[in-house]
Amino acid sequence: MFVLNPHLPTPIYRQIQDQVRRLIAGGQLAPGDALPSVREIAESQAVNPMTISKAYSLLEAEGLLVRQRGKPMTVAAPSERSVSPQQQLAPLLNDLIIAARQLGLSDSDLQAALNAALQKPDQE
């Protein structure tokens, strides 16, 4: 379910958070769908279980996941969520802006790069 890359500057827990947000926003995870257990992900991805637990807890705090004792974490119903798609994109856009500034790109350079990426046929 998750594609984790330990070589990215983004921490693993943030990669999980971002992927869950996108899967929910894209409809690939529906309300009531169960997520893999912390143990399953930790074993399959060779990641510390505390890292997975942190990601799940933060997603629960955002209202995207629901924890039920003795059961897997599930996707919250839309009425339980308060995060819009634009709000879900905000952390990714912030990371992009930070990376662009660190590379010395101007705002217009970043906009041009983003427009060029959006024009690629595989981005649709």
Foldseek 3Di string as FASTA:
>chain_A
DADADPPDPDDRLVSVLLVLLCCVVVVVAAFFDFDDQLVVCCVVVVHPSVSPVVSLVVCVVQQQWDDDPPGGIGGHHPVSHDADPVNSCVVVVVVLVVVCVVVVHDPVRSVVVVVVVCPDPVND
